[in-house]
């Protein structure tokens, strides 16, 4: 096993881990991103629904990834939260 010095290791390449890794690399940190899925694995289709709030969209814009995301998203025009009670 190879030993390597780095500034930060992030486990999990989902939306949060990937955004954190991009942010760390952007400020010059030597960054390693680890995920359970092999790099060359077919990502498959993810049918989960989730929302990107405007503050997070601005972060993604700063990271330079909204151009690739924009064709695959649509605006959330309303939201109703029910607490189960």
Protein backbone atom coordinates (compact mmCIF):
# COMPACT_ATOMS: atom_id res chain seq x y z
CA UNK A 1 0.00 0.00 0.00
CA UNK A 2 1.29 3.42 -0.97
CA UNK A 3 1.65 6.06 1.74
CA UNK A 4 0.96 9.63 0.71
CA UNK A 5 0.88 12.89 2.62
CA UNK A 6 -2.17 15.04 1.96
CA UNK A 7 -3.98 17.96 3.55
CA UNK A 8 -7.46 16.43 3.65
CA UNK A 9 -9.19 13.14 2.91
CA UNK A 10 -12.94 13.22 2.27
CA UNK A 11 -14.93 10.00 2.46
CA UNK A 12 -18.06 9.97 0.31
CA UNK A 13 -18.32 11.41 -3.21
CA UNK A 14 -21.99 12.35 -3.02
CA UNK A 15 -23.11 15.96 -3.44
CA UNK A 16 -21.70 17.16 -0.11
CA UNK A 17 -18.37 15.33 -0.29
CA UNK A 18 -17.82 16.33 -3.91
CA UNK A 19 -18.60 20.00 -3.22
CA UNK A 20 -16.28 19.96 -0.21
CA UNK A 21 -13.50 18.34 -2.26
CA UNK A 22 -13.86 20.95 -5.02
CA UNK A 23 -13.82 23.77 -2.46
CA UNK A 24 -10.71 22.41 -0.73
CA UNK A 25 -8.87 21.92 -4.01
CA UNK A 26 -9.88 25.43 -5.11
CA UNK A 27 -8.10 26.97 -2.12
CA UNK A 28 -5.00 24.90 -2.78
CA UNK A 29 -5.38 21.98 -0.38
CA UNK A 30 -4.05 18.61 -1.49
CA UNK A 31 -7.35 16.73 -1.51
CA UNK A 32 -8.20 13.04 -1.75
CA UNK A 33 -11.84 12.03 -2.32
CA UNK A 34 -12.73 8.41 -1.50
CA UNK A 35 -15.97 6.68 -2.46
CA UNK A 36 -17.23 3.10 -2.23
CA UNK A 37 -18.16 3.03 -5.93
CA UNK A 38 -15.24 2.20 -8.24
CA UNK A 39 -14.18 5.17 -10.41
CA UNK A 40 -15.04 3.41 -13.68
CA UNK A 41 -18.35 1.96 -12.45
CA UNK A 42 -21.51 2.81 -14.36
CA UNK A 43 -23.26 5.42 -12.20
CA UNK A 44 -26.65 3.96 -13.03
CA UNK A 45 -29.85 5.92 -12.77
CA UNK A 46 -30.62 7.66 -9.49
CA UNK A 47 -34.37 8.14 -9.17
CA UNK A 48 -34.31 9.94 -5.83
CA UNK A 49 -35.83 13.41 -5.71
CA UNK A 50 -34.00 16.21 -3.97
CA UNK A 51 -33.95 19.98 -4.04
CA UNK A 52 -31.02 22.36 -4.32
CA UNK A 53 -31.86 25.51 -2.38
CA UNK A 54 -30.76 28.86 -3.78
CA UNK A 55 -27.81 29.21 -1.41
CA UNK A 56 -26.46 25.82 -2.46
CA UNK A 57 -27.03 26.68 -6.13
CA UNK A 58 -24.82 29.78 -5.64
CA UNK A 59 -22.13 27.56 -4.10
CA UNK A 60 -22.34 25.19 -7.07
CA UNK A 61 -22.11 28.20 -9.43
CA UNK A 62 -18.94 29.32 -7.63
CA UNK A 63 -17.55 25.80 -8.05
CA UNK A 64 -18.29 25.97 -11.78
CA UNK A 65 -20.61 22.96 -12.02
CA UNK A 66 -24.03 24.52 -12.68
CA UNK A 67 -23.49 24.57 -16.44
CA UNK A 68 -23.50 20.78 -16.48
CA UNK A 69 -26.35 20.53 -13.98
CA UNK A 70 -28.71 23.09 -15.52
CA UNK A 71 -30.03 20.89 -18.36
CA UNK A 72 -31.02 18.21 -15.82
CA UNK A 73 -32.86 20.31 -13.24
CA UNK A 74 -36.01 22.37 -13.03
CA UNK A 75 -37.06 25.12 -10.62
CA UNK A 76 -38.93 24.22 -7.46
CA UNK A 77 -41.90 26.56 -7.52
CA UNK A 78 -43.47 25.50 -4.23
CA UNK A 79 -42.95 23.29 -1.22
CA UNK A 80 -45.29 21.97 1.43
CA UNK A 81 -43.76 20.48 4.58
CA UNK A 82 -45.86 18.21 6.79
CA UNK A 83 -44.53 17.15 10.16
CA UNK A 84 -46.64 13.99 10.36
CA UNK A 85 -48.90 15.36 13.10
